[in-house]
Amino acid sequence: MTDEASTTDVEALSYEAARDALIAVVDQLERGGATLEESLALWERGEALATRCETWLTGARARLDAARTES
């Protein structure tokens, strides 16, 4: 999987899917046993997944703020 394909993959994920994938990445990193290259790839994917989760949460926060303003 290329970096571009990986990024596109992450950008298409729902919040729940990104969160679950991030949990799996953290679990893999915590278990150890991966090569340095594999660990770096996992770290980079984890960063992308965390960013995706934050994007979803920021959007949800903005929607809630907008709904409060309308009331």
PDB file of N, CA and C in Angstrom:
ATOM      1  N   MET A   1       0.857  -1.183   0.000  1.00  0.00           N
ATOM      2  CA  MET A   1       0.000   0.000   0.000  1.00  0.00           C
ATOM      3  C   MET A   1       0.894   1.234   0.000  1.00  0.00           C
ATOM      4  N   THR A   2       0.647   2.134  -0.901  1.00  0.00           N
ATOM      5  CA  THR A   2       1.446   3.353  -0.970  1.00  0.00           C
ATOM      6  C   THR A   2       0.976   4.338   0.083  1.00  0.00           C
ATOM      7  N   ASP A   3       1.808   5.337   0.368  1.00  0.00           N
ATOM      8  CA  ASP A   3       1.418   6.360   1.335  1.00  0.00           C
ATOM      9  C   ASP A   3       0.161   7.077   0.890  1.00  0.00           C
ATOM     10  N   GLU A   4       0.064   7.353  -0.419  1.00  0.00           N
ATOM     11  CA  GLU A   4      -1.113   8.055  -0.940  1.00  0.00           C
ATOM     12  C   GLU A   4      -2.362   7.201  -0.785  1.00  0.00           C
ATOM     13  N   ALA A   5      -2.252   5.912  -1.091  1.00  0.00           N
ATOM     14  CA  ALA A   5      -3.396   5.010  -0.942  1.00  0.00           C
ATOM     15  C   ALA A   5      -3.768   4.878   0.520  1.00  0.00           C
ATOM     16  N   SER A   6      -2.779   4.830   1.394  1.00  0.00           N
ATOM     17  CA  SER A   6      -3.031   4.728   2.823  1.00  0.00           C
ATOM     18  C   SER A   6      -3.758   5.966   3.335  1.00  0.00           C
ATOM     19  N   THR A   7      -3.340   7.143   2.882  1.00  0.00           N
ATOM     20  CA  THR A   7      -3.975   8.390   3.283  1.00  0.00           C
ATOM     21  C   THR A   7      -5.413   8.438   2.804  1.00  0.00           C
ATOM     22  N   THR A   8      -5.644   8.038   1.560  1.00  0.00           N
ATOM     23  CA  THR A   8      -6.992   8.021   1.005  1.00  0.00           C
ATOM     24  C   THR A   8      -7.849   7.045   1.798  1.00  0.00           C
ATOM     25  N   ASP A   9      -7.293   5.904   2.133  1.00  0.00           N
ATOM     26  CA  ASP A   9      -7.989   4.900   2.928  1.00  0.00           C
ATOM     27  C   ASP A   9      -8.431   5.495   4.266  1.00  0.00           C
ATOM     28  N   VAL A  10      -7.550   6.184   4.950  1.00  0.00           N
ATOM     29  CA  VAL A  10      -7.855   6.780   6.254  1.00  0.00           C
ATOM     30  C   VAL A  10      -8.907   7.871   6.107  1.00  0.00           C
ATOM     31  N   GLU A  11      -8.809   8.685   5.081  1.00  0.00           N
ATOM     32  CA  GLU A  11      -9.753   9.786   4.882  1.00  0.00           C
ATOM     33  C   GLU A  11     -11.171   9.309   4.629  1.00  0.00           C
ATOM     34  N   ALA A  12     -11.328   8.065   4.200  1.00  0.00           N
ATOM     35  CA  ALA A  12     -12.656   7.526   3.909  1.00  0.00           C
ATOM     36  C   ALA A  12     -13.306   6.879   5.130  1.00  0.00           C
ATOM     37  N   LEU A  13     -12.561   6.755   6.226  1.00  0.00           N
ATOM     38  CA  LEU A  13     -13.064   6.040   7.394  1.00  0.00           C
ATOM     39  C   LEU A  13     -14.045   6.876   8.218  1.00  0.00           C
ATOM     40  N   SER A  14     -15.026   6.184   8.770  1.00  0.00           N
ATOM     41  CA  SER A  14     -15.910   6.811   9.755  1.00  0.00           C
ATOM     42  C   SER A  14     -15.116   7.010  11.037  1.00  0.00           C
ATOM     43  N   TYR A  15     -15.673   7.773  11.955  1.00  0.00           N
ATOM     44  CA  TYR A  15     -15.001   7.979  13.237  1.00  0.00           C
ATOM     45  C   TYR A  15     -14.755   6.646  13.939  1.00  0.00           C
ATOM     46  N   GLU A  16     -15.788   5.824  14.003  1.00  0.00           N
ATOM     47  CA  GLU A  16     -15.687   4.559  14.721  1.00  0.00           C
ATOM     48  C   GLU A  16     -14.649   3.641  14.091  1.00  0.00           C
ATOM     49  N   ALA A  17     -14.622   3.581  12.753  1.00  0.00           N
ATOM     50  CA  ALA A  17     -13.648   2.736  12.064  1.00  0.00           C
ATOM     51  C   ALA A  17     -12.226   3.251  12.289  1.00  0.00           C
ATOM     52  N   ALA A  18     -12.046   4.567  12.239  1.00  0.00           N
ATOM     53  CA  ALA A  18     -10.718   5.150  12.472  1.00  0.00           C
ATOM     54  C   ALA A  18     -10.272   4.911  13.902  1.00  0.00           C
ATOM     55  N   ARG A  19     -11.179   5.056  14.848  1.00  0.00           N
ATOM     56  CA  ARG A  19     -10.858   4.820  16.260  1.00  0.00           C
ATOM     57  C   ARG A  19     -10.449   3.364  16.488  1.00  0.00           C
ATOM     58  N   ASP A  20     -11.226   2.429  15.916  1.00  0.00           N
ATOM     59  CA  ASP A  20     -10.910   1.008  16.082  1.00  0.00           C
ATOM     60  C   ASP A  20      -9.571   0.661  15.439  1.00  0.00           C
ATOM     61  N   ALA A  21      -9.297   1.228  14.265  1.00  0.00           N
ATOM     62  CA  ALA A  21      -8.018   0.985  13.593  1.00  0.00           C
ATOM     63  C   ALA A  21      -6.867   1.573  14.407  1.00  0.00           C
ATOM     64  N   LEU A  22      -7.089   2.731  15.003  1.00  0.00           N
ATOM     65  CA  LEU A  22      -6.060   3.355  15.841  1.00  0.00           C
ATOM     66  C   LEU A  22      -5.776   2.492  17.070  1.00  0.00           C
ATOM     67  N   ILE A  23      -6.802   1.953  17.679  1.00  0.00           N
ATOM     68  CA  ILE A  23      -6.620   1.061  18.823  1.00  0.00           C
ATOM     69  C   ILE A  23      -5.790  -0.155  18.420  1.00  0.00           C
ATOM     70  N   ALA A  24      -6.063  -0.701  17.242  1.00  0.00           N
ATOM     71  CA  ALA A  24      -5.308  -1.865  16.757  1.00  0.00           C
ATOM     72  C   ALA A  24      -3.837  -1.506  16.522  1.00  0.00           C
ATOM     73  N   VAL A  25      -3.579  -0.328  15.969  1.00  0.00           N
ATOM     74  CA  VAL A  25      -2.204   0.114  15.725  1.00  0.00           C
ATOM     75  C   VAL A  25      -1.466   0.269  17.056  1.00  0.00           C
ATOM     76  N   VAL A  26      -2.096   0.909  18.020  1.00  0.00           N
ATOM     77  CA  VAL A  26      -1.466   1.095  19.334  1.00  0.00           C
ATOM     78  C   VAL A  26      -1.168  -0.266  19.963  1.00  0.00           C
ATOM     79  N   ASP A  27      -2.108  -1.194  19.850  1.00  0.00           N
ATOM     80  CA  ASP A  27      -1.910  -2.534  20.400  1.00  0.00           C
ATOM     81  C   ASP A  27      -0.700  -3.214  19.755  1.00  0.00           C
ATOM     82  N   GLN A  28      -0.596  -3.115  18.432  1.00  0.00           N
ATOM     83  CA  GLN A  28       0.543  -3.715  17.723  1.00  0.00           C
ATOM     84  C   GLN A  28       1.857  -3.095  18.182  1.00  0.00           C
ATOM     85  N   LEU A  29       1.878  -1.783  18.319  1.00  0.00           N
ATOM     86  CA  LEU A  29       3.104  -1.110  18.748  1.00  0.00           C
ATOM     87  C   LEU A  29       3.470  -1.494  20.178  1.00  0.00           C
ATOM     88  N   GLU A  30       2.480  -1.603  21.046  1.00  0.00           N
ATOM     89  CA  GLU A  30       2.740  -1.946  22.439  1.00  0.00           C
ATOM     90  C   GLU A  30       3.221  -3.387  22.610  1.00  0.00           C
ATOM     91  N   ARG A  31       2.749  -4.302  21.741  1.00  0.00           N
ATOM     92  CA  ARG A  31       3.185  -5.688  21.803  1.00  0.00           C
ATOM     93  C   ARG A  31       4.641  -5.845  21.395  1.00  0.00           C
ATOM     94  N   GLY A  32       5.120  -4.913  20.560  1.00  0.00           N
ATOM     95  CA  GLY A  32       6.508  -4.985  20.099  1.00  0.00           C
ATOM     96  C   GLY A  32       6.690  -6.096  19.074  1.00  0.00           C
ATOM     97  N   GLY A  33       7.940  -6.392  18.794  1.00  0.00           N
ATOM     98  CA  GLY A  33       8.245  -7.465  17.854  1.00  0.00           C
ATOM     99  C   GLY A  33       8.322  -7.032  16.404  1.00  0.00           C
ATOM    100  N   ALA A  34       7.896  -5.816  16.110  1.00  0.00           N
ATOM    101  CA  ALA A  34       7.952  -5.329  14.728  1.00  0.00           C
ATOM    102  C   ALA A  34       9.352  -4.785  14.447  1.00  0.00           C
ATOM    103  N   THR A  35       9.718  -4.832  13.190  1.00  0.00           N
ATOM    104  CA  THR A  35      10.987  -4.224  12.796  1.00  0.00           C
ATOM    105  C   THR A  35      10.866  -2.714  12.918  1.00  0.00           C
ATOM    106  N   LEU A  36      11.990  -2.045  12.846  1.00  0.00           N
ATOM    107  CA  LEU A  36      11.979  -0.583  12.898  1.00  0.00           C
ATOM    108  C   LEU A  36      11.119  -0.021  11.776  1.00  0.00           C
ATOM    109  N   GLU A  37      11.289  -0.556  10.573  1.00  0.00           N
ATOM    110  CA  GLU A  37      10.519  -0.066   9.420  1.00  0.00           C
ATOM    111  C   GLU A  37       9.021  -0.288   9.629  1.00  0.00           C
ATOM    112  N   GLU A  38       8.651  -1.450  10.128  1.00  0.00           N
ATOM    113  CA  GLU A  38       7.244  -1.741  10.394  1.00  0.00           C
ATOM    114  C   GLU A  38       6.695  -0.823  11.493  1.00  0.00           C
ATOM    115  N   SER A  39       7.494  -0.604  12.527  1.00  0.00           N
ATOM    116  CA  SER A  39       7.078   0.279  13.610  1.00  0.00           C
ATOM    117  C   SER A  39       6.860   1.701  13.114  1.00  0.00           C
ATOM    118  N   LEU A  40       7.746   2.173  12.258  1.00  0.00           N
ATOM    119  CA  LEU A  40       7.583   3.522  11.698  1.00  0.00           C
ATOM    120  C   LEU A  40       6.322   3.613  10.850  1.00  0.00           C
ATOM    121  N   ALA A  41       6.060   2.585  10.056  1.00  0.00           N
ATOM    122  CA  ALA A  41       4.849   2.577   9.225  1.00  0.00           C
ATOM    123  C   ALA A  41       3.601   2.568  10.108  1.00  0.00           C
ATOM    124  N   LEU A  42       3.631   1.772  11.178  1.00  0.00           N
ATOM    125  CA  LEU A  42       2.504   1.744  12.113  1.00  0.00           C
ATOM    126  C   LEU A  42       2.313   3.105  12.772  1.00  0.00           C
ATOM    127  N   TRP A  43       3.421   3.714  13.182  1.00  0.00           N
ATOM    128  CA  TRP A  43       3.356   5.033  13.822  1.00  0.00           C
ATOM    129  C   TRP A  43       2.718   6.056  12.878  1.00  0.00           C
ATOM    130  N   GLU A  44       3.175   6.056  11.622  1.00  0.00           N
ATOM    131  CA  GLU A  44       2.642   7.003  10.639  1.00  0.00           C
ATOM    132  C   GLU A  44       1.150   6.763  10.403  1.00  0.00           C
ATOM    133  N   ARG A  45       0.749   5.490  10.324  1.00  0.00           N
ATOM    134  CA  ARG A  45      -0.679   5.195  10.152  1.00  0.00           C
ATOM    135  C   ARG A  45      -1.455   5.645  11.392  1.00  0.00           C
ATOM    136  N   GLY A  46      -0.883   5.417  12.559  1.00  0.00           N
ATOM    137  CA  GLY A  46      -1.534   5.858  13.788  1.00  0.00           C
ATOM    138  C   GLY A  46      -1.731   7.362  13.820  1.00  0.00           C
ATOM    139  N   GLU A  47      -0.721   8.098  13.385  1.00  0.00           N
ATOM    140  CA  GLU A  47      -0.840   9.566  13.324  1.00  0.00           C
ATOM    141  C   GLU A  47      -1.965   9.972  12.370  1.00  0.00           C
ATOM    142  N   ALA A  48      -2.044   9.322  11.211  1.00  0.00           N
ATOM    143  CA  ALA A  48      -3.100   9.638  10.241  1.00  0.00           C
ATOM    144  C   ALA A  48      -4.472   9.293  10.816  1.00  0.00           C
ATOM    145  N   LEU A  49      -4.563   8.170  11.505  1.00  0.00           N
ATOM    146  CA  LEU A  49      -5.834   7.773  12.112  1.00  0.00           C
ATOM    147  C   LEU A  49      -6.242   8.733  13.221  1.00  0.00           C
ATOM    148  N   ALA A  50      -5.285   9.154  14.043  1.00  0.00           N
ATOM    149  CA  ALA A  50      -5.580  10.109  15.111  1.00  0.00           C
ATOM    150  C   ALA A  50      -6.063  11.438  14.523  1.00  0.00           C
ATOM    151  N   THR A  51      -5.444  11.866  13.452  1.00  0.00           N
ATOM    152  CA  THR A  51      -5.861  13.102  12.778  1.00  0.00           C
ATOM    153  C   THR A  51      -7.277  12.963  12.240  1.00  0.00           C
ATOM    154  N   ARG A  52      -7.593  11.785  11.673  1.00  0.00           N
ATOM    155  CA  ARG A  52      -8.939  11.546  11.151  1.00  0.00           C
ATOM    156  C   ARG A  52      -9.969  11.603  12.280  1.00  0.00           C
ATOM    157  N   CYS A  53      -9.651  10.981  13.413  1.00  0.00           N
ATOM    158  CA  CYS A  53     -10.561  11.028  14.566  1.00  0.00           C
ATOM    159  C   CYS A  53     -10.770  12.468  15.026  1.00  0.00           C
ATOM    160  N   GLU A  54      -9.693  13.217  15.101  1.00  0.00           N
ATOM    161  CA  GLU A  54      -9.789  14.619  15.535  1.00  0.00           C
ATOM    162  C   GLU A  54     -10.638  15.434  14.556  1.00  0.00           C
ATOM    163  N   THR A  55     -10.509  15.156  13.266  1.00  0.00           N
ATOM    164  CA  THR A  55     -11.320  15.849  12.261  1.00  0.00           C
ATOM    165  C   THR A  55     -12.800  15.574  12.500  1.00  0.00           C
ATOM    166  N   TRP A  56     -13.136  14.308  12.739  1.00  0.00           N
ATOM    167  CA  TRP A  56     -14.526  13.956  13.020  1.00  0.00           C
ATOM    168  C   TRP A  56     -15.034  14.659  14.276  1.00  0.00           C
ATOM    169  N   LEU A  57     -14.221  14.649  15.334  1.00  0.00           N
ATOM    170  CA  LEU A  57     -14.634  15.263  16.592  1.00  0.00           C
ATOM    171  C   LEU A  57     -14.784  16.780  16.458  1.00  0.00           C
ATOM    172  N   THR A  58     -13.898  17.409  15.716  1.00  0.00           N
ATOM    173  CA  THR A  58     -13.990  18.846  15.481  1.00  0.00           C
ATOM    174  C   THR A  58     -15.269  19.179  14.721  1.00  0.00           C
ATOM    175  N   GLY A  59     -15.576  18.359  13.712  1.00  0.00           N
ATOM    176  CA  GLY A  59     -16.810  18.555  12.948  1.00  0.00           C
ATOM    177  C   GLY A  59     -18.049  18.378  13.805  1.00  0.00           C
ATOM    178  N   ALA A  60     -18.029  17.369  14.667  1.00  0.00           N
ATOM    179  CA  ALA A  60     -19.171  17.134  15.558  1.00  0.00           C
ATOM    180  C   ALA A  60     -19.336  18.296  16.529  1.00  0.00           C
ATOM    181  N   ARG A  61     -18.215  18.796  17.048  1.00  0.00           N
ATOM    182  CA  ARG A  61     -18.258  19.933  17.971  1.00  0.00           C
ATOM    183  C   ARG A  61     -18.843  21.164  17.272  1.00  0.00           C
ATOM    184  N   ALA A  62     -18.440  21.399  16.027  1.00  0.00           N
ATOM    185  CA  ALA A  62     -18.945  22.547  15.277  1.00  0.00           C
ATOM    186  C   ALA A  62     -20.451  22.413  15.034  1.00  0.00           C
ATOM    187  N   ARG A  63     -20.903  21.195  14.727  1.00  0.00           N
ATOM    188  CA  ARG A  63     -22.338  20.981  14.512  1.00  0.00           C
ATOM    189  C   ARG A  63     -23.126  21.225  15.791  1.00  0.00           C
ATOM    190  N   LEU A  64     -22.591  20.775  16.922  1.00  0.00           N
ATOM    191  CA  LEU A  64     -23.269  21.005  18.205  1.00  0.00           C
ATOM    192  C   LEU A  64     -23.321  22.493  18.537  1.00  0.00           C
ATOM    193  N   ASP A  65     -22.209  23.175  18.308  1.00  0.00           N
ATOM    194  CA  ASP A  65     -22.184  24.622  18.565  1.00  0.00           C
ATOM    195  C   ASP A  65     -23.199  25.343  17.683  1.00  0.00           C
ATOM    196  N   ALA A  66     -23.284  24.932  16.412  1.00  0.00           N
ATOM    197  CA  ALA A  66     -24.230  25.564  15.503  1.00  0.00           C
ATOM    198  C   ALA A  66     -25.675  25.294  15.946  1.00  0.00           C
ATOM    199  N   ALA A  67     -25.941  24.098  16.402  1.00  0.00           N
ATOM    200  CA  ALA A  67     -27.292  23.762  16.858  1.00  0.00           C
ATOM    201  C   ALA A  67     -27.658  24.565  18.109  1.00  0.00           C
ATOM    202  N   ARG A  68     -26.693  24.757  18.992  1.00  0.00           N
ATOM    203  CA  ARG A  68     -26.948  25.566  20.194  1.00  0.00           C
ATOM    204  C   ARG A  68     -27.215  27.004  19.843  1.00  0.00           C
ATOM    205  N   THR A  69     -26.510  27.521  18.853  1.00  0.00           N
ATOM    206  CA  THR A  69     -26.682  28.900  18.424  1.00  0.00           C
ATOM    207  C   THR A  69     -28.062  29.117  17.809  1.00  0.00           C
ATOM    208  N   GLU A  70     -28.560  28.113  17.087  1.00  0.00           N
ATOM    209  CA  GLU A  70     -29.874  28.223  16.447  1.00  0.00           C
ATOM    210  C   GLU A  70     -31.002  28.203  17.461  1.00  0.00           C
ATOM    211  N   SER A  71     -30.794  27.601  18.613  1.00  0.00           N
ATOM    212  CA  SER A  71     -31.890  27.482  19.582  1.00  0.00           C
ATOM    213  C   SER A  71     -32.182  28.757  20.321  1.00  0.00           C
TER     214      SER A  71
END
